[in-house]
N, C-alpha and C. Protein backbone atom coordinates (compact mmCIF):
# COMPACT_ATOMS: atom_id res chain seq x y z
N UNK A 1 -141.48 160.30 28.05
CA UNK A 1 -142.06 158.99 28.27
C UNK A 1 -143.51 159.02 27.79
N UNK A 2 -143.87 158.08 26.94
CA UNK A 2 -145.24 158.05 26.43
C UNK A 2 -146.07 157.07 27.25
N UNK A 3 -147.36 157.33 27.28
CA UNK A 3 -148.28 156.45 27.99
C UNK A 3 -148.71 155.32 27.08
N UNK A 4 -148.83 154.16 27.65
CA UNK A 4 -149.28 152.99 26.89
C UNK A 4 -150.77 153.13 26.63
N UNK A 5 -151.19 152.79 25.43
CA UNK A 5 -152.60 152.88 25.07
C UNK A 5 -153.40 151.72 25.60
N UNK A 6 -154.68 151.74 25.33
CA UNK A 6 -155.56 150.67 25.77
C UNK A 6 -155.30 149.42 24.93
N UNK A 7 -155.49 148.28 25.56
CA UNK A 7 -155.26 147.01 24.90
C UNK A 7 -156.40 146.68 23.94
N UNK A 8 -156.07 146.17 22.78
CA UNK A 8 -157.05 145.74 21.78
C UNK A 8 -156.47 144.53 21.07
N UNK A 9 -157.23 143.49 20.96
CA UNK A 9 -156.75 142.29 20.30
C UNK A 9 -157.71 141.90 19.18
N UNK A 10 -157.15 141.40 18.10
CA UNK A 10 -157.99 140.93 17.00
C UNK A 10 -157.27 139.78 16.30
N UNK A 11 -158.02 139.10 15.49
CA UNK A 11 -157.44 138.01 14.70
C UNK A 11 -157.23 138.50 13.27
N UNK A 12 -156.10 138.13 12.72
CA UNK A 12 -155.77 138.50 11.35
C UNK A 12 -155.80 137.26 10.48
N UNK A 13 -156.13 137.47 9.24
CA UNK A 13 -155.99 136.42 8.24
C UNK A 13 -154.52 136.00 8.23
N UNK A 14 -154.23 134.71 8.13
CA UNK A 14 -152.83 134.27 8.16
C UNK A 14 -151.94 134.93 7.10
N UNK A 15 -152.49 135.17 5.93
CA UNK A 15 -151.70 135.83 4.88
C UNK A 15 -151.36 137.27 5.27
N UNK A 16 -152.33 137.97 5.87
CA UNK A 16 -152.07 139.34 6.31
C UNK A 16 -151.08 139.36 7.47
N UNK A 17 -151.17 138.40 8.35
CA UNK A 17 -150.22 138.31 9.46
C UNK A 17 -148.81 138.11 8.93
N UNK A 18 -148.66 137.28 7.93
CA UNK A 18 -147.34 137.03 7.34
C UNK A 18 -146.81 138.30 6.69
N UNK A 19 -147.67 139.03 6.00
CA UNK A 19 -147.24 140.29 5.38
C UNK A 19 -146.79 141.28 6.45
N UNK A 20 -147.55 141.34 7.54
CA UNK A 20 -147.19 142.23 8.65
C UNK A 20 -145.85 141.82 9.24
N UNK A 21 -145.64 140.52 9.40
CA UNK A 21 -144.38 140.02 9.95
C UNK A 21 -143.21 140.40 9.06
N UNK A 22 -143.38 140.26 7.75
CA UNK A 22 -142.32 140.59 6.81
C UNK A 22 -142.00 142.08 6.87
N UNK A 23 -143.04 142.92 6.90
CA UNK A 23 -142.80 144.37 6.97
C UNK A 23 -142.13 144.74 8.29
N UNK A 24 -142.57 144.16 9.38
CA UNK A 24 -141.97 144.46 10.69
C UNK A 24 -140.52 144.03 10.72
N UNK A 25 -140.23 142.86 10.19
CA UNK A 25 -138.85 142.37 10.16
C UNK A 25 -137.98 143.29 9.31
N UNK A 26 -138.50 143.72 8.18
CA UNK A 26 -137.74 144.61 7.29
C UNK A 26 -137.42 145.93 7.98
N UNK A 27 -138.38 146.43 8.77
CA UNK A 27 -138.19 147.70 9.47
C UNK A 27 -137.52 147.53 10.82
N UNK A 28 -137.10 146.32 11.13
CA UNK A 28 -136.48 146.01 12.42
C UNK A 28 -137.38 146.46 13.57
N UNK A 29 -138.64 146.07 13.46
CA UNK A 29 -139.67 146.45 14.41
C UNK A 29 -140.41 145.19 14.83
N UNK A 30 -141.17 145.25 15.91
CA UNK A 30 -141.96 144.07 16.28
C UNK A 30 -143.35 144.18 15.67
N UNK A 31 -143.99 143.03 15.51
CA UNK A 31 -145.28 142.96 14.84
C UNK A 31 -146.33 143.81 15.56
N UNK A 32 -146.36 143.76 16.89
CA UNK A 32 -147.38 144.50 17.65
C UNK A 32 -147.27 146.00 17.43
N UNK A 33 -146.06 146.52 17.45
CA UNK A 33 -145.88 147.97 17.26
C UNK A 33 -146.28 148.40 15.86
N UNK A 34 -145.84 147.64 14.87
CA UNK A 34 -146.18 148.00 13.50
C UNK A 34 -147.68 147.83 13.26
N UNK A 35 -148.26 146.76 13.78
CA UNK A 35 -149.70 146.54 13.64
C UNK A 35 -150.50 147.67 14.26
N UNK A 36 -150.09 148.11 15.45
CA UNK A 36 -150.78 149.22 16.11
C UNK A 36 -150.67 150.49 15.29
N UNK A 37 -149.49 150.75 14.75
CA UNK A 37 -149.27 151.96 13.94
C UNK A 37 -150.15 151.94 12.70
N UNK A 38 -150.21 150.80 12.02
CA UNK A 38 -151.03 150.69 10.81
C UNK A 38 -152.52 150.79 11.14
N UNK A 39 -152.94 150.18 12.24
CA UNK A 39 -154.34 150.26 12.64
C UNK A 39 -154.73 151.69 12.98
N UNK A 40 -153.85 152.40 13.68
CA UNK A 40 -154.12 153.80 14.02
C UNK A 40 -154.28 154.64 12.76
N UNK A 41 -153.40 154.42 11.77
CA UNK A 41 -153.50 155.16 10.51
C UNK A 41 -154.82 154.86 9.81
N UNK A 42 -155.24 153.60 9.81
CA UNK A 42 -156.49 153.22 9.16
C UNK A 42 -157.69 153.86 9.87
N UNK A 43 -157.68 153.85 11.21
CA UNK A 43 -158.78 154.43 11.97
C UNK A 43 -158.88 155.93 11.72
N UNK A 44 -157.75 156.62 11.73
CA UNK A 44 -157.76 158.06 11.47
C UNK A 44 -158.34 158.34 10.09
N UNK A 45 -157.93 157.59 9.09
CA UNK A 45 -158.44 157.79 7.73
C UNK A 45 -159.92 157.49 7.63
N UNK A 46 -160.36 156.39 8.19
CA UNK A 46 -161.77 156.02 8.15
C UNK A 46 -162.63 157.03 8.91
N UNK A 47 -162.14 157.50 10.06
CA UNK A 47 -162.92 158.47 10.84
C UNK A 47 -163.03 159.79 10.10
N UNK A 48 -161.98 160.17 9.40
CA UNK A 48 -162.03 161.39 8.59
C UNK A 48 -163.12 161.27 7.53
N UNK A 49 -163.14 160.14 6.82
CA UNK A 49 -164.19 159.91 5.81
C UNK A 49 -165.57 159.94 6.45
N UNK A 50 -165.70 159.31 7.62
CA UNK A 50 -166.96 159.27 8.35
C UNK A 50 -167.45 160.67 8.69
N UNK A 51 -166.56 161.52 9.20
CA UNK A 51 -166.97 162.87 9.58
C UNK A 51 -167.35 163.71 8.36
N UNK A 52 -166.64 163.51 7.26
CA UNK A 52 -167.00 164.23 6.03
C UNK A 52 -168.39 163.83 5.57
N UNK A 53 -168.68 162.54 5.58
CA UNK A 53 -169.99 162.04 5.17
C UNK A 53 -171.07 162.55 6.11
N UNK A 54 -170.81 162.50 7.41
CA UNK A 54 -171.80 162.97 8.39
C UNK A 54 -172.10 164.45 8.18
N UNK A 55 -171.07 165.25 7.91
CA UNK A 55 -171.26 166.68 7.66
C UNK A 55 -172.10 166.90 6.40
N UNK A 56 -171.81 166.15 5.34
CA UNK A 56 -172.57 166.29 4.10
C UNK A 56 -174.03 165.92 4.32
N UNK A 57 -174.27 164.83 5.02
CA UNK A 57 -175.64 164.40 5.29
C UNK A 57 -176.38 165.42 6.13
N UNK A 58 -175.71 166.00 7.11
CA UNK A 58 -176.33 167.02 7.96
C UNK A 58 -176.68 168.26 7.15
N UNK A 59 -175.78 168.67 6.25
CA UNK A 59 -176.06 169.84 5.40
C UNK A 59 -177.26 169.60 4.49
N UNK A 60 -177.45 168.36 4.09
CA UNK A 60 -178.58 168.01 3.21
C UNK A 60 -179.87 167.79 4.00
N UNK A 61 -179.76 167.80 5.32
CA UNK A 61 -180.94 167.59 6.15
C UNK A 61 -181.35 166.13 6.26
N UNK A 62 -180.44 165.23 5.91
CA UNK A 62 -180.76 163.81 5.92
C UNK A 62 -180.65 163.22 7.32
N UNK A 63 -179.78 163.76 8.14
CA UNK A 63 -179.62 163.26 9.51
C UNK A 63 -179.90 164.39 10.49
N UNK A 64 -180.33 164.00 11.68
CA UNK A 64 -180.56 164.98 12.73
C UNK A 64 -179.27 165.13 13.52
N UNK A 65 -179.12 166.26 14.22
CA UNK A 65 -177.94 166.41 15.05
C UNK A 65 -178.11 165.54 16.29
N UNK A 66 -177.04 165.36 17.05
CA UNK A 66 -177.02 164.46 18.20
C UNK A 66 -178.10 164.77 19.23
N UNK A 67 -178.28 166.04 19.56
CA UNK A 67 -179.24 166.41 20.60
C UNK A 67 -180.67 166.03 20.18
N UNK A 68 -181.00 166.24 18.92
CA UNK A 68 -182.34 165.88 18.45
C UNK A 68 -182.53 164.37 18.42
N UNK A 69 -181.49 163.67 18.01
CA UNK A 69 -181.57 162.22 17.90
C UNK A 69 -181.70 161.52 19.24
N UNK A 70 -181.24 162.17 20.32
CA UNK A 70 -181.32 161.55 21.64
C UNK A 70 -182.52 162.03 22.44
N UNK A 71 -183.35 162.85 21.81
CA UNK A 71 -184.55 163.32 22.49
C UNK A 71 -184.32 164.39 23.53
N UNK A 72 -183.23 165.11 23.48
CA UNK A 72 -182.93 166.16 24.46
C UNK A 72 -183.61 167.44 24.10
């Protein structure tokens, strides 16, 4: 049994909503489940890019680490 995640709501462009509906219908899935799956994939990808950039910036000395930035 899996735990339900936290609730998040957003508005989609009508054209994107229709595309999501078509994909969900094709996969015999509901829009909310497919939308959540696609959003999770996008967040994982974006966060990966973010961490790579943060690491590169830190190696170049462009950003401070968290402890320095918070005055600790």
